[in-house]
Protein backbone atom coordinates (compact mmCIF):
# COMPACT_ATOMS: atom_id res chain seq x y z
CA MET A 1 0.19 -0.05 0.15
CA THR A 2 1.30 3.41 -0.50
CA ILE A 3 1.62 6.27 1.22
CA LYS A 4 -1.17 8.18 -1.11
CA GLU A 5 -3.44 4.68 -0.14
CA GLU A 6 -2.65 4.59 3.25
CA ALA A 7 -3.70 8.52 4.13
CA ASN A 8 -7.37 7.57 2.05
CA VAL A 9 -7.92 4.94 4.37
CA SER A 10 -6.55 6.57 7.76
CA ARG A 11 -9.68 9.16 6.68
CA LEU A 12 -12.09 5.83 8.03
CA ASN A 13 -10.46 5.59 11.55
CA VAL A 14 -9.45 9.30 12.55
CA PRO A 15 -12.12 11.04 14.72
CA LEU A 16 -10.32 14.64 14.89
CA PRO A 17 -10.60 16.11 12.37
CA GLY A 18 -11.64 13.35 10.45
CA TRP A 19 -8.89 12.16 8.62
CA THR A 20 -4.49 12.19 8.77
CA PRO A 21 -2.96 14.77 6.54
CA LEU A 22 -0.46 13.34 3.36
CA PRO A 23 2.64 15.05 5.59
CA GLN A 24 1.39 13.10 8.55
CA VAL A 25 1.29 10.11 7.29
CA VAL A 26 4.56 10.73 5.75
CA ALA A 27 6.19 11.71 8.99
CA ARG A 28 4.69 8.60 10.97
CA ARG A 29 6.58 6.17 8.47
CA LEU A 30 9.84 8.02 8.33
CA GLN A 31 9.40 7.70 12.50
CA GLN A 32 8.81 3.68 12.56
CA MET A 33 11.48 3.65 10.45
CA ILE A 34 13.54 5.20 13.38
CA LEU A 35 11.76 3.06 15.78
CA ASP A 36 12.21 -0.19 14.08
CA GLY A 37 16.20 1.00 13.67
CA GLU A 38 16.09 1.28 10.00
CA LEU A 39 17.32 4.65 10.60
CA ARG A 40 19.38 5.02 13.43
CA GLU A 41 20.43 7.81 15.62
CA GLY A 42 23.36 9.78 13.93
CA ASP A 43 22.31 8.66 10.18
CA GLN A 44 22.15 10.66 7.52
CA ILE A 45 18.35 10.29 5.87
CA PRO A 46 18.10 9.91 2.02
CA SER A 47 17.46 13.31 0.19
CA GLN A 48 13.82 14.71 -0.49
CA ARG A 49 14.50 13.08 -3.79
CA VAL A 50 14.76 9.79 -3.13
CA LEU A 51 12.53 9.95 -0.29
CA SER A 52 9.84 11.42 -2.19
CA GLU A 53 9.92 8.72 -5.00
CA GLN A 54 9.97 6.14 -1.94
CA PHE A 55 7.14 7.29 -0.62
CA ASN A 56 5.69 8.09 -3.81
CA VAL A 57 4.74 12.07 -2.56
CA SER A 58 5.39 15.62 -3.75
CA ARG A 59 8.33 17.22 -2.18
CA ALA A 60 5.88 19.80 -0.38
CA SER A 61 3.94 16.64 1.22
CA LEU A 62 7.78 15.88 2.35
CA ARG A 63 8.89 18.85 3.64
CA GLU A 64 6.15 19.22 5.68
CA ALA A 65 6.75 15.87 7.39
CA LEU A 66 10.83 16.82 7.84
CA LEU A 67 9.82 19.75 9.40
CA THR A 68 7.24 18.46 12.07
CA LEU A 69 9.81 15.72 13.08
CA GLU A 70 12.37 18.43 13.33
CA THR A 71 10.51 20.60 15.48
CA LEU A 72 10.06 17.36 17.50
CA GLY A 73 13.25 16.43 17.95
CA LEU A 74 13.74 13.66 15.87
CA ILE A 75 15.84 14.66 12.91
CA LYS A 76 18.23 17.76 12.66
CA THR A 77 18.93 19.32 9.27
CA GLN A 78 22.71 20.65 9.73
CA PRO A 79 23.43 23.50 6.33
CA GLY A 80 25.46 22.15 3.88
CA ARG A 81 25.53 18.47 5.11
CA GLY A 82 21.92 17.05 5.37
CA THR A 83 19.58 15.85 7.69
CA PHE A 84 20.05 13.29 10.14
CA VAL A 85 18.63 11.20 12.87
CA THR A 86 18.90 12.69 16.54
CA ALA A 87 16.37 9.82 17.75
CA GLY A 88 14.46 12.45 19.70
CA ARG A 89 17.49 13.46 21.53
CA PRO A 90 17.62 17.18 20.45
CA ASP A 91 21.06 19.21 21.69
CA SER A 92 20.08 20.99 24.95
CA GLY A 93 22.10 24.19 23.26
CA ALA A 94 20.27 24.12 20.02
CA GLU A 95 18.34 27.11 19.03
CA ILE A 96 14.22 25.87 18.58
CA LYS A 97 12.90 25.64 15.36
CA TRP A 98 9.96 27.79 15.11
CA ARG A 99 8.87 27.83 11.56
CA TYR A 100 6.30 31.30 12.25
CA SER A 101 9.45 33.31 13.06
CA ASP A 102 8.65 35.52 10.31
CA SER A 103 5.00 36.49 11.50
CA PHE A 104 4.92 36.12 15.33
CA PRO A 105 7.38 35.70 17.68
CA MET A 106 7.57 32.32 20.02
CA GLN A 107 7.03 34.45 22.86
CA ASP A 108 3.79 35.95 21.40
CA VAL A 109 1.80 33.21 20.38
CA PHE A 110 2.73 31.29 24.14
CA GLU A 111 0.91 34.68 25.45
CA THR A 112 -1.97 33.96 23.37
CA ARG A 113 -2.62 30.63 24.20
CA GLN A 114 -1.94 31.31 27.98
CA MET A 115 -4.84 33.92 27.65
CA LEU A 116 -7.02 32.20 25.53
CA GLU A 117 -6.82 28.69 26.94
CA GLY A 118 -7.21 29.80 30.11
CA GLN A 119 -10.49 31.70 29.22
CA ILE A 120 -11.50 28.91 27.22
CA ALA A 121 -11.28 26.38 29.85
CA GLU A 122 -12.69 28.52 32.53
CA THR A 123 -15.72 29.04 30.25
CA ALA A 124 -16.22 24.87 29.32
CA ALA A 125 -16.18 24.53 32.68
CA ARG A 126 -20.18 25.38 32.82
CA ASN A 127 -20.73 22.49 29.68
CA VAL A 128 -18.29 19.50 30.57
CA ASP A 129 -20.26 16.69 30.28
CA ALA A 130 -19.55 12.84 31.32
CA ALA A 131 -18.33 11.96 27.59
CA THR A 132 -16.24 14.99 27.46
CA LEU A 133 -14.54 14.07 30.49
CA ALA A 134 -14.02 10.72 29.64
CA ALA A 135 -12.76 11.74 26.17
CA LEU A 136 -9.92 13.90 28.16
CA ARG A 137 -9.05 11.02 30.09
CA ASP A 138 -8.78 8.90 27.07
CA ALA A 139 -6.67 11.63 25.43
CA THR A 140 -3.92 11.58 28.54
CA ASP A 141 -3.71 8.45 28.97
CA GLU A 142 -3.17 7.76 25.39
CA MET A 143 -0.19 10.42 25.69
CA GLU A 144 1.29 8.51 28.73
CA ARG A 145 1.52 5.01 26.37
CA CYS A 146 2.68 6.97 23.14
CA TRP A 147 5.22 8.31 25.32
CA GLY A 148 6.40 5.46 26.83
CA GLU A 149 6.72 3.78 23.39
CA GLY A 150 8.97 6.23 22.37
CA ASP A 151 5.86 7.51 19.60
CA LEU A 152 6.21 11.16 19.66
CA LEU A 153 3.74 11.63 16.66
CA SER A 154 1.03 10.13 18.53
CA ASN A 155 2.09 11.76 21.63
CA VAL A 156 1.49 14.92 20.17
CA GLU A 157 -1.87 13.94 18.52
CA ALA A 158 -3.40 12.96 21.84
CA ASP A 159 -2.23 15.67 23.29
CA LEU A 160 -3.34 18.25 20.58
CA ARG A 161 -6.81 16.23 20.91
CA PHE A 162 -7.28 16.79 24.61
CA HIS A 163 -6.77 20.87 23.82
CA ARG A 164 -8.93 20.76 20.98
CA THR A 165 -11.58 18.51 23.47
CA ILE A 166 -11.64 21.25 25.32
CA ALA A 167 -12.42 24.32 22.85
CA LEU A 168 -14.90 22.36 21.75
CA ALA A 169 -16.90 21.99 24.81
CA CYS A 170 -16.80 25.93 25.11
CA ARG A 171 -20.12 27.23 24.19
CA ASN A 172 -18.72 30.84 23.34
CA GLN A 173 -18.67 30.55 19.31
CA MET A 174 -16.63 33.83 19.28
CA LEU A 175 -14.14 31.86 21.69
CA GLN A 176 -13.91 28.43 19.89
CA SER A 177 -13.57 30.72 16.40
CA LEU A 178 -10.65 32.31 17.88
CA TYR A 179 -9.11 28.94 18.54
CA GLU A 180 -9.61 27.61 15.48
CA THR A 181 -8.41 30.68 13.59
CA VAL A 182 -4.86 30.36 15.39
CA GLN A 183 -5.04 26.51 16.02
CA SER A 184 -1.45 26.09 13.85
CA LEU A 185 0.25 28.86 16.05
CA LEU A 186 -0.94 26.67 18.99
CA THR A 187 -0.34 23.35 17.70
CA GLU A 188 3.36 24.22 16.79
CA THR A 189 3.98 25.56 20.83
CA GLN A 190 2.75 21.77 21.39
CA ARG A 191 5.23 19.96 19.31
CA GLN A 192 8.61 21.60 21.10
CA PRO A 193 10.93 18.75 21.65
CA ILE A 194 11.60 19.25 25.46
CA PRO A 195 8.64 18.67 26.79
CA ARG A 196 8.61 15.57 24.57
CA THR A 197 11.74 14.36 25.17
CA ASN A 198 12.26 15.15 28.51
CA PRO A 199 11.02 12.39 31.25
CA THR A 200 10.36 15.18 34.66
CA ARG A 201 8.90 17.39 32.25
CA MET A 202 6.30 14.92 30.43
CA ARG A 203 5.40 13.18 34.15
CA ALA A 204 4.55 17.16 34.67
CA SER A 205 2.81 17.72 31.70
CA LEU A 206 0.55 14.68 32.17
CA ALA A 207 -0.34 15.42 36.01
CA GLU A 208 -1.27 19.13 34.72
CA HIS A 209 -3.89 17.66 32.51
CA ARG A 210 -5.08 15.56 35.15
CA GLU A 211 -5.10 18.87 37.30
CA ILE A 212 -7.09 20.41 34.51
CA ILE A 213 -9.40 17.61 34.11
CA ALA A 214 -10.47 17.52 38.18
CA ALA A 215 -11.27 21.17 37.96
CA LEU A 216 -13.75 20.45 35.04
CA SER A 217 -15.34 17.95 36.35
CA ARG A 218 -16.28 19.89 39.67
CA ALA A 219 -17.58 22.47 37.08
CA ASP A 220 -14.97 24.76 38.83
CA GLY A 221 -14.19 27.38 35.99
CA ARG A 222 -11.59 29.23 37.98
CA ALA A 223 -9.67 26.18 38.93
CA ALA A 224 -9.70 25.21 35.27
CA ARG A 225 -8.85 28.39 34.03
CA ASP A 226 -5.60 28.40 36.97
CA ALA A 227 -4.41 24.87 36.15
CA MET A 228 -4.78 25.43 32.24
CA GLU A 229 -2.77 28.74 32.30
CA ARG A 230 -0.27 27.12 34.68
CA HIS A 231 0.18 24.05 32.12
CA VAL A 232 0.79 26.71 29.41
CA ARG A 233 3.45 28.50 31.24
CA ASN A 234 5.11 25.23 32.27
CA THR A 235 5.26 24.45 29.01
CA ALA A 236 6.63 27.96 27.83
CA GLU A 237 9.49 28.00 30.28
CA CYS A 238 10.42 24.60 28.45
CA ALA A 239 11.01 26.36 25.55
CA GLY A 240 13.09 29.25 27.23
CA ILE A 241 9.98 31.37 27.31
CA LEU A 242 9.18 32.90 30.96
CA LEU A 243 5.33 34.22 31.13
CA PRO A 244 3.48 36.23 33.51
CA LYS A 245 0.98 35.39 35.24
CA VAL A 246 -2.36 36.41 33.60
């Protein structure tokens, strides 16, 4: 089965957003090659021309997949040399790759995320039902399981589903619209490598998710907001960004 066929089949199995975009399918295949040892730490991955022919995908889709993997810290491009496998061990002293640097500083995006998601969590606390709470618990449990298996892509997807589920539970349509408008920017802050590869931070992040769930289950909007804002601040700190309390 080709990559394109896999993308079509996956449309039947992914509830949010309903299908797996082709670049994500490519990224999954490459990550699996790393997990299986086909590509080992320090190995140079094949050129984009070779990979695009091997996977039967466009260069654009391949570049997006490679950028996702580099953001997660699984690979690293060295100008003039090529792209190499880091296997989830990014250089702690290396500059964090931020694809929207020409539009907005990462600091601004984290600040906006703290304010927006905090308000969304507080508003959603009025409407969260048992099904939503179950979905949030499932997403957090999947985050933990995938992280333990080294599946960083699925770990991120479960994290994104957690935050999106809360946004969908918010009955304020304008807040929902604002979230959807900037979701690609917010998503990129959730792909930063240190929270994904540092065991201490990942355990803390999972605990913070469960604090948010607990506050939502009590319909305690203020506590949900505080827990969400604290979660975003702690994630930002891993990226070297210090956020003031809102």
